Amino acid sequence: MTIYSAEFIKSSKFMEDCPEGNKPEYAFIGRSNVGKSSLINMLTNKKGLAKTSSTPGKTQLINHFLINDNWYLTDLPGYGYAKASKSSRAEFSKMIENYILSRKNLVNLFVLIDSRHLPMQIDLNFINWLGEEEIPFSLIFTKLDKVSQKEFSFNFKKYSQKLRETWDELPEMFKTSSEKKIGQEEILSFIEDTNKYLARNKIYFGE
């Protein structure tokens, strides 16, 4: 897939304020500081489309971008930011939960995992919750350039083993580096193939 246009549409505090759900939507979520904004900028070839920050937990709203006038890319608030106030964390959690459970045109949720770490319980809990709610999702391992191949292989193997404890079939997994543009083609091809499947089967949203 070639990205020829990527346009910021709006930021929403509540799911009800999101743009009309009349196009396929692909959302990105992960723990704070997992590299979500950098990944979005890399995928769209548009530096600065999603605001990056050295401060974890910067994204606090649901941000919608229209890609190729055809589908939405959605940047969701990160979860698990310890320095956020308890009330803020509860508000983020409710916002994220409402969006994920109620957004009818959400086709796939990309859950970002930091390649540098062994399986973290907060990620595993979130992934298992998605399974319980039957939300379609994929995993994206980020920051591949920040870790040795040996260390990543070990961490990836541990994640796979952990997931197999509760999953009969593992979700689609992507390996990425925003710095080196690793994984860009694979993720965009996945989205393109999914959009073609929707069109072929005449699956439309609000049209």
N, C-alpha and C. Protein backbone atom coordinates (compact mmCIF):
# COMPACT_ATOMS: atom_id res chain seq x y z
N MET A 1 0.85 -1.20 0.00
CA MET A 1 0.00 0.00 0.00
C MET A 1 0.88 1.24 0.00
N THR A 2 0.53 2.17 -0.86
CA THR A 2 1.20 3.46 -0.89
C THR A 2 0.34 4.49 -0.17
N ILE A 3 0.92 5.21 0.78
CA ILE A 3 0.20 6.27 1.48
C ILE A 3 0.40 7.57 0.71
N TYR A 4 -0.66 8.07 0.11
CA TYR A 4 -0.55 9.33 -0.63
C TYR A 4 -1.19 10.50 0.11
N SER A 5 -1.97 10.21 1.15
CA SER A 5 -2.51 11.29 1.97
C SER A 5 -2.76 10.79 3.38
N ALA A 6 -2.38 11.61 4.36
CA ALA A 6 -2.60 11.30 5.76
C ALA A 6 -2.96 12.61 6.45
N GLU A 7 -4.21 12.71 6.86
CA GLU A 7 -4.73 13.98 7.36
C GLU A 7 -5.29 13.83 8.77
N PHE A 8 -4.85 14.71 9.67
CA PHE A 8 -5.42 14.73 11.01
C PHE A 8 -6.86 15.22 10.93
N ILE A 9 -7.79 14.49 11.55
CA ILE A 9 -9.20 14.86 11.51
C ILE A 9 -9.63 15.54 12.80
N LYS A 10 -9.46 14.87 13.94
CA LYS A 10 -9.84 15.49 15.19
C LYS A 10 -9.37 14.67 16.39
N SER A 11 -9.35 15.33 17.55
CA SER A 11 -9.10 14.66 18.82
C SER A 11 -10.41 14.62 19.60
N SER A 12 -10.66 13.50 20.24
CA SER A 12 -11.92 13.34 20.96
C SER A 12 -11.65 12.85 22.38
N LYS A 13 -12.36 13.42 23.33
CA LYS A 13 -12.22 12.98 24.71
C LYS A 13 -13.10 11.78 25.00
N PHE A 14 -14.22 11.69 24.27
CA PHE A 14 -15.15 10.59 24.47
C PHE A 14 -15.41 9.88 23.15
N MET A 15 -15.71 8.59 23.23
CA MET A 15 -15.98 7.80 22.03
C MET A 15 -17.10 8.42 21.21
N GLU A 16 -18.10 8.99 21.90
CA GLU A 16 -19.25 9.58 21.22
C GLU A 16 -18.87 10.78 20.36
N ASP A 17 -17.72 11.38 20.64
CA ASP A 17 -17.28 12.56 19.89
C ASP A 17 -16.43 12.21 18.67
N CYS A 18 -16.13 10.93 18.50
CA CYS A 18 -15.28 10.50 17.38
C CYS A 18 -15.97 10.77 16.04
N PRO A 19 -15.20 10.87 14.95
CA PRO A 19 -15.80 11.07 13.63
C PRO A 19 -16.79 9.95 13.30
N GLU A 20 -17.69 10.24 12.40
CA GLU A 20 -18.68 9.24 11.99
C GLU A 20 -17.97 7.96 11.57
N GLY A 21 -18.45 6.84 12.07
CA GLY A 21 -17.80 5.55 11.80
C GLY A 21 -18.20 4.95 10.48
N ASN A 22 -17.89 5.64 9.39
CA ASN A 22 -18.32 5.17 8.07
C ASN A 22 -17.18 4.62 7.23
N LYS A 23 -16.00 4.41 7.86
CA LYS A 23 -14.86 3.85 7.14
C LYS A 23 -14.15 2.84 8.04
N PRO A 24 -13.45 1.88 7.43
CA PRO A 24 -12.69 0.92 8.25
C PRO A 24 -11.70 1.67 9.15
N GLU A 25 -11.54 1.19 10.35
CA GLU A 25 -10.70 1.89 11.32
C GLU A 25 -9.70 0.93 11.95
N TYR A 26 -8.45 1.38 12.04
CA TYR A 26 -7.37 0.60 12.62
C TYR A 26 -6.75 1.43 13.74
N ALA A 27 -6.83 0.92 14.96
CA ALA A 27 -6.38 1.69 16.12
C ALA A 27 -5.07 1.13 16.66
N PHE A 28 -4.27 2.03 17.23
CA PHE A 28 -2.97 1.68 17.79
C PHE A 28 -2.95 2.03 19.27
N ILE A 29 -2.51 1.08 20.08
CA ILE A 29 -2.50 1.27 21.53
C ILE A 29 -1.31 0.53 22.13
N GLY A 30 -0.87 0.98 23.29
CA GLY A 30 0.22 0.31 23.98
C GLY A 30 0.54 1.02 25.27
N ARG A 31 1.43 0.45 26.04
CA ARG A 31 1.87 1.13 27.25
C ARG A 31 2.52 2.46 26.90
N SER A 32 2.53 3.35 27.84
CA SER A 32 3.18 4.64 27.63
C SER A 32 4.65 4.45 27.27
N ASN A 33 5.12 5.28 26.34
CA ASN A 33 6.52 5.28 25.90
C ASN A 33 6.91 4.03 25.12
N VAL A 34 5.94 3.40 24.47
CA VAL A 34 6.23 2.21 23.68
C VAL A 34 6.65 2.56 22.25
N GLY A 35 6.53 3.85 21.88
CA GLY A 35 6.93 4.28 20.54
C GLY A 35 5.78 4.35 19.56
N LYS A 36 4.60 4.60 20.07
CA LYS A 36 3.38 4.59 19.23
C LYS A 36 3.38 5.72 18.20
N SER A 37 3.66 6.95 18.66
CA SER A 37 3.62 8.09 17.74
C SER A 37 4.68 7.96 16.65
N SER A 38 5.87 7.51 17.02
CA SER A 38 6.95 7.31 16.05
C SER A 38 6.55 6.27 15.01
N LEU A 39 5.88 5.21 15.46
CA LEU A 39 5.44 4.16 14.54
C LEU A 39 4.41 4.69 13.56
N ILE A 40 3.46 5.47 14.05
CA ILE A 40 2.42 6.04 13.18
C ILE A 40 3.05 6.96 12.13
N ASN A 41 4.01 7.77 12.55
CA ASN A 41 4.69 8.66 11.61
C ASN A 41 5.47 7.86 10.57
N MET A 42 6.08 6.77 10.99
CA MET A 42 6.83 5.91 10.07
C MET A 42 5.90 5.24 9.07
N LEU A 43 4.76 4.72 9.54
CA LEU A 43 3.83 4.03 8.65
C LEU A 43 3.28 4.96 7.57
N THR A 44 3.02 6.21 7.95
CA THR A 44 2.39 7.16 7.02
C THR A 44 3.41 7.98 6.23
N ASN A 45 4.70 7.78 6.53
CA ASN A 45 5.75 8.58 5.89
C ASN A 45 5.52 10.08 6.09
N LYS A 46 4.98 10.44 7.23
CA LYS A 46 4.68 11.85 7.49
C LYS A 46 5.20 12.21 8.87
N LYS A 47 6.40 12.72 8.91
CA LYS A 47 7.03 13.09 10.16
C LYS A 47 6.22 14.18 10.86
N GLY A 48 5.89 13.95 12.11
CA GLY A 48 5.15 14.95 12.86
C GLY A 48 3.65 14.81 12.77
N LEU A 49 3.15 13.80 12.04
CA LEU A 49 1.69 13.60 11.97
C LEU A 49 1.16 13.33 13.37
N ALA A 50 1.75 12.34 14.03
CA ALA A 50 1.42 12.08 15.43
C ALA A 50 2.51 12.73 16.27
N LYS A 51 2.12 13.45 17.28
CA LYS A 51 3.09 14.18 18.10
C LYS A 51 3.86 13.23 19.00
N THR A 52 5.19 13.25 18.86
CA THR A 52 6.03 12.44 19.73
C THR A 52 6.50 13.29 20.90
N SER A 53 6.80 12.64 21.99
CA SER A 53 7.21 13.37 23.19
C SER A 53 8.09 12.49 24.04
N SER A 54 9.03 13.12 24.75
CA SER A 54 9.87 12.37 25.70
C SER A 54 9.11 12.13 27.00
N THR A 55 7.96 12.76 27.12
CA THR A 55 7.15 12.60 28.33
C THR A 55 6.14 11.47 28.13
N PRO A 56 6.26 10.35 28.86
CA PRO A 56 5.29 9.25 28.72
C PRO A 56 3.89 9.72 29.05
N GLY A 57 2.91 9.14 28.38
CA GLY A 57 1.52 9.47 28.69
C GLY A 57 1.05 10.75 28.04
N LYS A 58 1.74 11.21 26.99
CA LYS A 58 1.39 12.48 26.35
C LYS A 58 0.04 12.41 25.65
N THR A 59 -0.22 11.28 24.96
CA THR A 59 -1.50 11.12 24.27
C THR A 59 -2.60 10.86 25.30
N GLN A 60 -3.54 11.79 25.42
CA GLN A 60 -4.61 11.64 26.40
C GLN A 60 -5.99 11.70 25.74
N LEU A 61 -6.00 11.77 24.41
CA LEU A 61 -7.26 11.84 23.67
C LEU A 61 -7.24 10.78 22.59
N ILE A 62 -8.41 10.53 22.01
CA ILE A 62 -8.52 9.64 20.86
C ILE A 62 -8.27 10.48 19.61
N ASN A 63 -7.17 10.22 18.91
CA ASN A 63 -6.79 11.02 17.74
C ASN A 63 -7.05 10.25 16.45
N HIS A 64 -7.84 10.87 15.57
CA HIS A 64 -8.19 10.24 14.30
C HIS A 64 -7.44 10.87 13.13
N PHE A 65 -6.92 10.01 12.26
CA PHE A 65 -6.27 10.44 11.02
C PHE A 65 -6.94 9.72 9.86
N LEU A 66 -7.22 10.44 8.79
CA LEU A 66 -7.81 9.84 7.59
C LEU A 66 -6.69 9.51 6.61
N ILE A 67 -6.60 8.25 6.21
CA ILE A 67 -5.54 7.79 5.33
C ILE A 67 -6.10 7.47 3.94
N ASN A 68 -5.49 8.08 2.93
CA ASN A 68 -5.88 7.85 1.53
C ASN A 68 -7.37 8.06 1.30
N ASP A 69 -8.00 8.92 2.11
CA ASP A 69 -9.44 9.18 2.01
C ASP A 69 -10.27 7.90 2.10
N ASN A 70 -9.68 6.86 2.67
CA ASN A 70 -10.30 5.54 2.59
C ASN A 70 -10.47 4.84 3.93
N TRP A 71 -9.57 5.09 4.87
CA TRP A 71 -9.66 4.42 6.17
C TRP A 71 -9.08 5.31 7.27
N TYR A 72 -9.52 5.01 8.50
CA TYR A 72 -9.05 5.78 9.65
C TYR A 72 -7.92 5.05 10.37
N LEU A 73 -6.91 5.81 10.73
CA LEU A 73 -5.88 5.36 11.63
C LEU A 73 -6.12 6.10 12.95
N THR A 74 -6.23 5.37 14.05
CA THR A 74 -6.59 5.98 15.33
C THR A 74 -5.49 5.76 16.36
N ASP A 75 -5.08 6.85 16.97
CA ASP A 75 -4.05 6.85 18.00
C ASP A 75 -4.75 6.95 19.35
N LEU A 76 -4.68 5.86 20.13
CA LEU A 76 -5.36 5.80 21.43
C LEU A 76 -4.41 6.14 22.57
N PRO A 77 -4.93 6.65 23.68
CA PRO A 77 -4.09 6.93 24.85
C PRO A 77 -3.38 5.66 25.32
N GLY A 78 -2.16 5.83 25.80
CA GLY A 78 -1.43 4.69 26.33
C GLY A 78 -2.00 4.26 27.67
N TYR A 79 -1.69 3.05 28.05
CA TYR A 79 -2.15 2.56 29.36
C TYR A 79 -0.93 2.27 30.24
N GLY A 80 -1.16 2.29 31.54
CA GLY A 80 -0.10 1.91 32.46
C GLY A 80 0.91 2.99 32.76
N TYR A 81 0.51 4.27 32.63
CA TYR A 81 1.44 5.35 32.95
C TYR A 81 1.37 5.65 34.44
N ALA A 82 2.39 5.27 35.18
CA ALA A 82 2.35 5.32 36.64
C ALA A 82 2.25 6.74 37.19
N LYS A 83 2.80 7.74 36.48
CA LYS A 83 2.83 9.10 37.02
C LYS A 83 1.52 9.85 36.82
N ALA A 84 0.62 9.31 36.04
CA ALA A 84 -0.69 9.94 35.89
C ALA A 84 -1.46 9.77 37.20
N SER A 85 -2.31 10.73 37.49
CA SER A 85 -3.10 10.63 38.72
C SER A 85 -4.05 9.44 38.63
N LYS A 86 -4.47 8.96 39.77
CA LYS A 86 -5.38 7.81 39.80
C LYS A 86 -6.66 8.10 39.05
N SER A 87 -7.19 9.32 39.21
CA SER A 87 -8.43 9.70 38.52
C SER A 87 -8.21 9.75 37.01
N SER A 88 -7.02 10.25 36.59
CA SER A 88 -6.72 10.31 35.15
C SER A 88 -6.61 8.92 34.56
N ARG A 89 -5.96 8.01 35.29
CA ARG A 89 -5.82 6.63 34.80
C ARG A 89 -7.19 5.97 34.66
N ALA A 90 -8.05 6.22 35.63
CA ALA A 90 -9.41 5.65 35.57
C ALA A 90 -10.17 6.21 34.38
N GLU A 91 -9.98 7.52 34.12
CA GLU A 91 -10.66 8.17 33.00
C GLU A 91 -10.16 7.63 31.68
N PHE A 92 -8.82 7.47 31.56
CA PHE A 92 -8.25 6.90 30.34
C PHE A 92 -8.80 5.50 30.12
N SER A 93 -8.81 4.70 31.19
CA SER A 93 -9.25 3.31 31.08
C SER A 93 -10.69 3.24 30.58
N LYS A 94 -11.55 4.09 31.13
CA LYS A 94 -12.95 4.09 30.72
C LYS A 94 -13.08 4.53 29.27
N MET A 95 -12.32 5.56 28.88
CA MET A 95 -12.34 6.05 27.51
C MET A 95 -11.92 4.95 26.54
N ILE A 96 -10.81 4.29 26.87
CA ILE A 96 -10.29 3.23 26.01
C ILE A 96 -11.29 2.07 25.92
N GLU A 97 -11.83 1.68 27.07
CA GLU A 97 -12.77 0.56 27.09
C GLU A 97 -14.02 0.87 26.27
N ASN A 98 -14.58 2.06 26.44
CA ASN A 98 -15.77 2.44 25.68
C ASN A 98 -15.50 2.43 24.18
N TYR A 99 -14.35 2.97 23.81
CA TYR A 99 -14.00 3.02 22.39
C TYR A 99 -13.88 1.60 21.82
N ILE A 100 -13.09 0.77 22.47
CA ILE A 100 -12.82 -0.57 21.96
C ILE A 100 -14.09 -1.42 21.87
N LEU A 101 -14.96 -1.30 22.86
CA LEU A 101 -16.17 -2.12 22.89
C LEU A 101 -17.30 -1.57 22.04
N SER A 102 -17.30 -0.27 21.77
CA SER A 102 -18.46 0.35 21.12
C SER A 102 -18.22 0.84 19.70
N ARG A 103 -16.98 0.98 19.28
CA ARG A 103 -16.69 1.52 17.95
C ARG A 103 -16.95 0.45 16.90
N LYS A 104 -18.06 0.56 16.21
CA LYS A 104 -18.53 -0.50 15.31
C LYS A 104 -17.62 -0.71 14.10
N ASN A 105 -16.93 0.34 13.67
CA ASN A 105 -16.09 0.23 12.47
C ASN A 105 -14.63 -0.08 12.80
N LEU A 106 -14.35 -0.43 14.06
CA LEU A 106 -12.99 -0.83 14.44
C LEU A 106 -12.71 -2.22 13.87
N VAL A 107 -11.86 -2.28 12.88
CA VAL A 107 -11.56 -3.53 12.18
C VAL A 107 -10.46 -4.31 12.88
N ASN A 108 -9.45 -3.58 13.37
CA ASN A 108 -8.33 -4.26 14.03
C ASN A 108 -7.66 -3.31 15.01
N LEU A 109 -7.27 -3.86 16.15
CA LEU A 109 -6.55 -3.10 17.16
C LEU A 109 -5.11 -3.59 17.18
N PHE A 110 -4.17 -2.70 16.91
CA PHE A 110 -2.76 -3.05 16.96
C PHE A 110 -2.24 -2.74 18.36
N VAL A 111 -1.81 -3.77 19.08
CA VAL A 111 -1.28 -3.61 20.43
C VAL A 111 0.24 -3.59 20.35
N LEU A 112 0.85 -2.49 20.79
CA LEU A 112 2.29 -2.33 20.68
C LEU A 112 2.99 -2.87 21.92
N ILE A 113 4.08 -3.61 21.67
CA ILE A 113 4.87 -4.23 22.72
C ILE A 113 6.32 -3.77 22.55
N ASP A 114 6.95 -3.33 23.62
CA ASP A 114 8.35 -2.90 23.58
C ASP A 114 9.26 -4.13 23.49
N SER A 115 10.01 -4.22 22.39
CA SER A 115 10.87 -5.39 22.14
C SER A 115 11.93 -5.60 23.21
N ARG A 116 12.25 -4.55 23.95
CA ARG A 116 13.36 -4.62 24.91
C ARG A 116 13.01 -5.35 26.19
N HIS A 117 11.73 -5.63 26.39
CA HIS A 117 11.30 -6.18 27.67
C HIS A 117 10.76 -7.60 27.56
N LEU A 118 10.91 -8.34 28.63
CA LEU A 118 10.25 -9.62 28.76
C LEU A 118 8.75 -9.38 28.96
N PRO A 119 7.93 -10.42 28.82
CA PRO A 119 6.48 -10.23 28.96
C PRO A 119 6.12 -9.48 30.24
N MET A 120 5.28 -8.46 30.09
CA MET A 120 4.84 -7.67 31.23
C MET A 120 3.37 -7.97 31.49
N GLN A 121 3.03 -8.12 32.76
CA GLN A 121 1.68 -8.56 33.13
C GLN A 121 0.61 -7.60 32.63
N ILE A 122 0.90 -6.30 32.63
CA ILE A 122 -0.10 -5.33 32.19
C ILE A 122 -0.47 -5.54 30.73
N ASP A 123 0.54 -5.90 29.90
CA ASP A 123 0.27 -6.19 28.48
C ASP A 123 -0.52 -7.49 28.35
N LEU A 124 -0.10 -8.50 29.09
CA LEU A 124 -0.78 -9.80 29.01
C LEU A 124 -2.23 -9.69 29.47
N ASN A 125 -2.47 -8.92 30.52
CA ASN A 125 -3.84 -8.73 31.01
C ASN A 125 -4.70 -8.06 29.95
N PHE A 126 -4.13 -7.05 29.30
CA PHE A 126 -4.87 -6.31 28.26
C PHE A 126 -5.18 -7.22 27.07
N ILE A 127 -4.19 -7.99 26.65
CA ILE A 127 -4.37 -8.91 25.52
C ILE A 127 -5.44 -9.95 25.84
N ASN A 128 -5.41 -10.50 27.04
CA ASN A 128 -6.40 -11.50 27.42
C ASN A 128 -7.80 -10.90 27.52
N TRP A 129 -7.88 -9.66 27.96
CA TRP A 129 -9.17 -8.97 28.00
C TRP A 129 -9.74 -8.81 26.59
N LEU A 130 -8.89 -8.47 25.63
CA LEU A 130 -9.34 -8.36 24.24
C LEU A 130 -9.90 -9.69 23.75
N GLY A 131 -9.23 -10.77 24.13
CA GLY A 131 -9.70 -12.09 23.74
C GLY A 131 -11.06 -12.40 24.34
N GLU A 132 -11.23 -12.07 25.61
CA GLU A 132 -12.51 -12.30 26.28
C GLU A 132 -13.64 -11.51 25.62
N GLU A 133 -13.32 -10.33 25.14
CA GLU A 133 -14.33 -9.47 24.50
C GLU A 133 -14.44 -9.72 22.99
N GLU A 134 -13.63 -10.65 22.49
CA GLU A 134 -13.63 -11.03 21.06
C GLU A 134 -13.33 -9.82 20.16
N ILE A 135 -12.34 -9.04 20.56
CA ILE A 135 -11.89 -7.90 19.76
C ILE A 135 -10.75 -8.35 18.85
N PRO A 136 -10.85 -8.15 17.55
CA PRO A 136 -9.76 -8.55 16.65
C PRO A 136 -8.53 -7.67 16.88
N PHE A 137 -7.38 -8.30 17.04
CA PHE A 137 -6.17 -7.52 17.31
C PHE A 137 -4.93 -8.22 16.76
N SER A 138 -3.87 -7.43 16.65
CA SER A 138 -2.55 -7.93 16.26
C SER A 138 -1.53 -7.33 17.22
N LEU A 139 -0.36 -7.93 17.29
CA LEU A 139 0.71 -7.41 18.13
C LEU A 139 1.80 -6.80 17.25
N ILE A 140 2.32 -5.66 17.70
CA ILE A 140 3.44 -5.02 17.02
C ILE A 140 4.57 -4.85 18.03
N PHE A 141 5.69 -5.52 17.77
CA PHE A 141 6.86 -5.36 18.62
C PHE A 141 7.67 -4.18 18.09
N THR A 142 7.88 -3.18 18.95
CA THR A 142 8.53 -1.93 18.54
C THR A 142 10.00 -1.87 18.98
N LYS A 143 10.70 -0.86 18.45
CA LYS A 143 12.07 -0.53 18.87
C LYS A 143 13.05 -1.67 18.65
N LEU A 144 12.88 -2.34 17.50
CA LEU A 144 13.75 -3.48 17.18
C LEU A 144 15.21 -3.05 17.08
N ASP A 145 15.44 -1.79 16.73
CA ASP A 145 16.82 -1.29 16.58
C ASP A 145 17.48 -1.01 17.93
N LYS A 146 16.70 -1.04 19.00
CA LYS A 146 17.23 -0.74 20.33
C LYS A 146 17.67 -1.98 21.10
N VAL A 147 17.59 -3.12 20.47
CA VAL A 147 17.89 -4.38 21.15
C VAL A 147 18.66 -5.29 20.20
N SER A 148 19.52 -6.15 20.75
CA SER A 148 20.25 -7.10 19.91
C SER A 148 19.31 -8.16 19.37
N GLN A 149 19.70 -8.77 18.28
CA GLN A 149 18.87 -9.82 17.69
C GLN A 149 18.69 -10.98 18.65
N LYS A 150 19.74 -11.31 19.38
CA LYS A 150 19.69 -12.42 20.34
C LYS A 150 18.70 -12.10 21.47
N GLU A 151 18.77 -10.87 21.99
CA GLU A 151 17.89 -10.49 23.09
C GLU A 151 16.44 -10.43 22.62
N PHE A 152 16.22 -9.88 21.40
CA PHE A 152 14.85 -9.83 20.89
C PHE A 152 14.28 -11.23 20.70
N SER A 153 15.07 -12.13 20.12
CA SER A 153 14.60 -13.50 19.88
C SER A 153 14.19 -14.15 21.20
N PHE A 154 14.97 -13.89 22.25
CA PHE A 154 14.66 -14.45 23.56
C PHE A 154 13.35 -13.88 24.10
N ASN A 155 13.21 -12.54 24.02
CA ASN A 155 11.99 -11.88 24.52
C ASN A 155 10.76 -12.30 23.72
N PHE A 156 10.92 -12.40 22.40
CA PHE A 156 9.82 -12.80 21.51
C PHE A 156 9.37 -14.23 21.83
N LYS A 157 10.34 -15.11 22.06
CA LYS A 157 10.04 -16.50 22.40
C LYS A 157 9.27 -16.57 23.72
N LYS A 158 9.69 -15.75 24.70
CA LYS A 158 9.02 -15.74 26.00
C LYS A 158 7.58 -15.24 25.87
N TYR A 159 7.37 -14.21 25.02
CA TYR A 159 6.01 -13.71 24.80
C TYR A 159 5.15 -14.80 24.17
N SER A 160 5.69 -15.47 23.18
CA SER A 160 4.94 -16.53 22.50
C SER A 160 4.57 -17.64 23.48
N GLN A 161 5.52 -18.00 24.33
CA GLN A 161 5.26 -19.05 25.32
C GLN A 161 4.17 -18.62 26.30
N LYS A 162 4.24 -17.38 26.76
CA LYS A 162 3.25 -16.86 27.70
C LYS A 162 1.86 -16.84 27.07
N LEU A 163 1.77 -16.39 25.82
CA LEU A 163 0.47 -16.31 25.15
C LEU A 163 -0.13 -17.69 24.94
N ARG A 164 0.73 -18.67 24.67
CA ARG A 164 0.23 -20.04 24.43
C ARG A 164 -0.37 -20.66 25.68
N GLU A 165 -0.10 -20.06 26.84
CA GLU A 165 -0.72 -20.56 28.07
C GLU A 165 -2.22 -20.32 28.08
N THR A 166 -2.66 -19.29 27.36
CA THR A 166 -4.09 -18.95 27.37
C THR A 166 -4.71 -18.90 25.97
N TRP A 167 -3.88 -19.00 24.91
CA TRP A 167 -4.39 -18.90 23.55
C TRP A 167 -4.08 -20.18 22.77
N ASP A 168 -5.09 -20.70 22.08
CA ASP A 168 -4.87 -21.86 21.21
C ASP A 168 -4.13 -21.45 19.95
N GLU A 169 -4.45 -20.24 19.48
CA GLU A 169 -3.83 -19.73 18.25
C GLU A 169 -3.28 -18.34 18.53
N LEU A 170 -2.03 -18.11 18.14
CA LEU A 170 -1.41 -16.82 18.40
C LEU A 170 -1.90 -15.78 17.40
N PRO A 171 -2.01 -14.53 17.85
CA PRO A 171 -2.43 -13.46 16.93
C PRO A 171 -1.33 -13.15 15.92
N GLU A 172 -1.68 -12.39 14.91
CA GLU A 172 -0.69 -11.89 13.95
C GLU A 172 0.32 -11.03 14.71
N MET A 173 1.62 -11.22 14.39
CA MET A 173 2.65 -10.44 15.07
C MET A 173 3.56 -9.76 14.05
N PHE A 174 3.90 -8.51 14.33
CA PHE A 174 4.77 -7.74 13.46
C PHE A 174 5.98 -7.25 14.25
N LYS A 175 7.12 -7.21 13.58
CA LYS A 175 8.35 -6.71 14.21
C LYS A 175 8.73 -5.40 13.52
N THR A 176 8.96 -4.35 14.32
CA THR A 176 9.14 -3.03 13.72
C THR A 176 10.29 -2.23 14.34
N SER A 177 10.78 -1.31 13.53
CA SER A 177 11.68 -0.26 14.00
C SER A 177 11.29 1.01 13.26
N SER A 178 10.86 2.02 13.99
CA SER A 178 10.49 3.29 13.35
C SER A 178 11.71 3.96 12.75
N GLU A 179 12.86 3.80 13.39
CA GLU A 179 14.10 4.42 12.92
C GLU A 179 14.50 3.86 11.56
N LYS A 180 14.39 2.54 11.42
CA LYS A 180 14.87 1.87 10.21
C LYS A 180 13.74 1.47 9.25
N LYS A 181 12.52 1.86 9.60
CA LYS A 181 11.34 1.55 8.79
C LYS A 181 11.12 0.05 8.60
N ILE A 182 11.52 -0.71 9.58
CA ILE A 182 11.29 -2.15 9.55
C ILE A 182 9.82 -2.41 9.90
N GLY A 183 9.16 -3.23 9.11
CA GLY A 183 7.78 -3.60 9.38
C GLY A 183 6.74 -2.74 8.70
N GLN A 184 7.15 -1.65 8.08
CA GLN A 184 6.20 -0.74 7.44
C GLN A 184 5.40 -1.46 6.35
N GLU A 185 6.11 -2.12 5.47
CA GLU A 185 5.46 -2.79 4.34
C GLU A 185 4.51 -3.88 4.81
N GLU A 186 4.94 -4.65 5.83
CA GLU A 186 4.13 -5.77 6.32
C GLU A 186 2.81 -5.28 6.94
N ILE A 187 2.88 -4.23 7.75
CA ILE A 187 1.67 -3.72 8.41
C ILE A 187 0.72 -3.09 7.40
N LEU A 188 1.26 -2.30 6.48
CA LEU A 188 0.41 -1.66 5.48
C LEU A 188 -0.21 -2.69 4.54
N SER A 189 0.51 -3.75 4.24
CA SER A 189 -0.04 -4.83 3.40
C SER A 189 -1.17 -5.54 4.13
N PHE A 190 -1.00 -5.74 5.43
CA PHE A 190 -2.05 -6.36 6.24
C PHE A 190 -3.32 -5.50 6.20
N ILE A 191 -3.17 -4.20 6.35
CA ILE A 191 -4.32 -3.29 6.31
C ILE A 191 -4.95 -3.28 4.92
N GLU A 192 -4.12 -3.24 3.90
CA GLU A 192 -4.63 -3.24 2.52
C GLU A 192 -5.41 -4.52 2.22
N ASP A 193 -4.86 -5.65 2.61
CA ASP A 193 -5.53 -6.94 2.37
C ASP A 193 -6.86 -7.01 3.13
N THR A 194 -6.87 -6.47 4.34
CA THR A 194 -8.11 -6.47 5.14
C THR A 194 -9.16 -5.58 4.48
N ASN A 195 -8.74 -4.41 4.01
CA ASN A 195 -9.68 -3.51 3.33
C ASN A 195 -10.24 -4.16 2.06
N LYS A 196 -9.40 -4.87 1.34
CA LYS A 196 -9.86 -5.57 0.13
C LYS A 196 -10.86 -6.66 0.48
N TYR A 197 -10.61 -7.35 1.59
CA TYR A 197 -11.54 -8.39 2.04
C TYR A 197 -12.90 -7.77 2.38
N LEU A 198 -12.89 -6.64 3.07
CA LEU A 198 -14.14 -5.96 3.43
C LEU A 198 -14.90 -5.55 2.18
N ALA A 199 -14.17 -5.00 1.20
CA ALA A 199 -14.82 -4.54 -0.04
C ALA A 199 -15.35 -5.73 -0.84
N ARG A 200 -14.58 -6.79 -0.89
CA ARG A 200 -14.98 -7.98 -1.65
C ARG A 200 -16.24 -8.61 -1.07
N ASN A 201 -16.36 -8.55 0.23
CA ASN A 201 -17.51 -9.15 0.91
C ASN A 201 -18.60 -8.12 1.21
N LYS A 202 -18.43 -6.93 0.60
CA LYS A 202 -19.44 -5.86 0.72
C LYS A 202 -19.78 -5.54 2.18
N ILE A 203 -18.71 -5.45 2.98
CA ILE A 203 -18.87 -5.07 4.39
C ILE A 203 -18.59 -3.57 4.50
N TYR A 204 -19.63 -2.79 4.75
CA TYR A 204 -19.51 -1.35 4.83
C TYR A 204 -19.95 -0.87 6.20
N PHE A 205 -19.55 0.33 6.52
CA PHE A 205 -19.84 0.90 7.85
C PHE A 205 -20.60 2.21 7.71
N GLY A 206 -21.84 2.22 8.13
CA GLY A 206 -22.61 3.46 8.19
C GLY A 206 -22.82 4.14 6.87
N GLU A 207 -22.81 3.41 5.77
CA GLU A 207 -22.99 4.02 4.45
C GLU A 207 -24.21 3.42 3.76
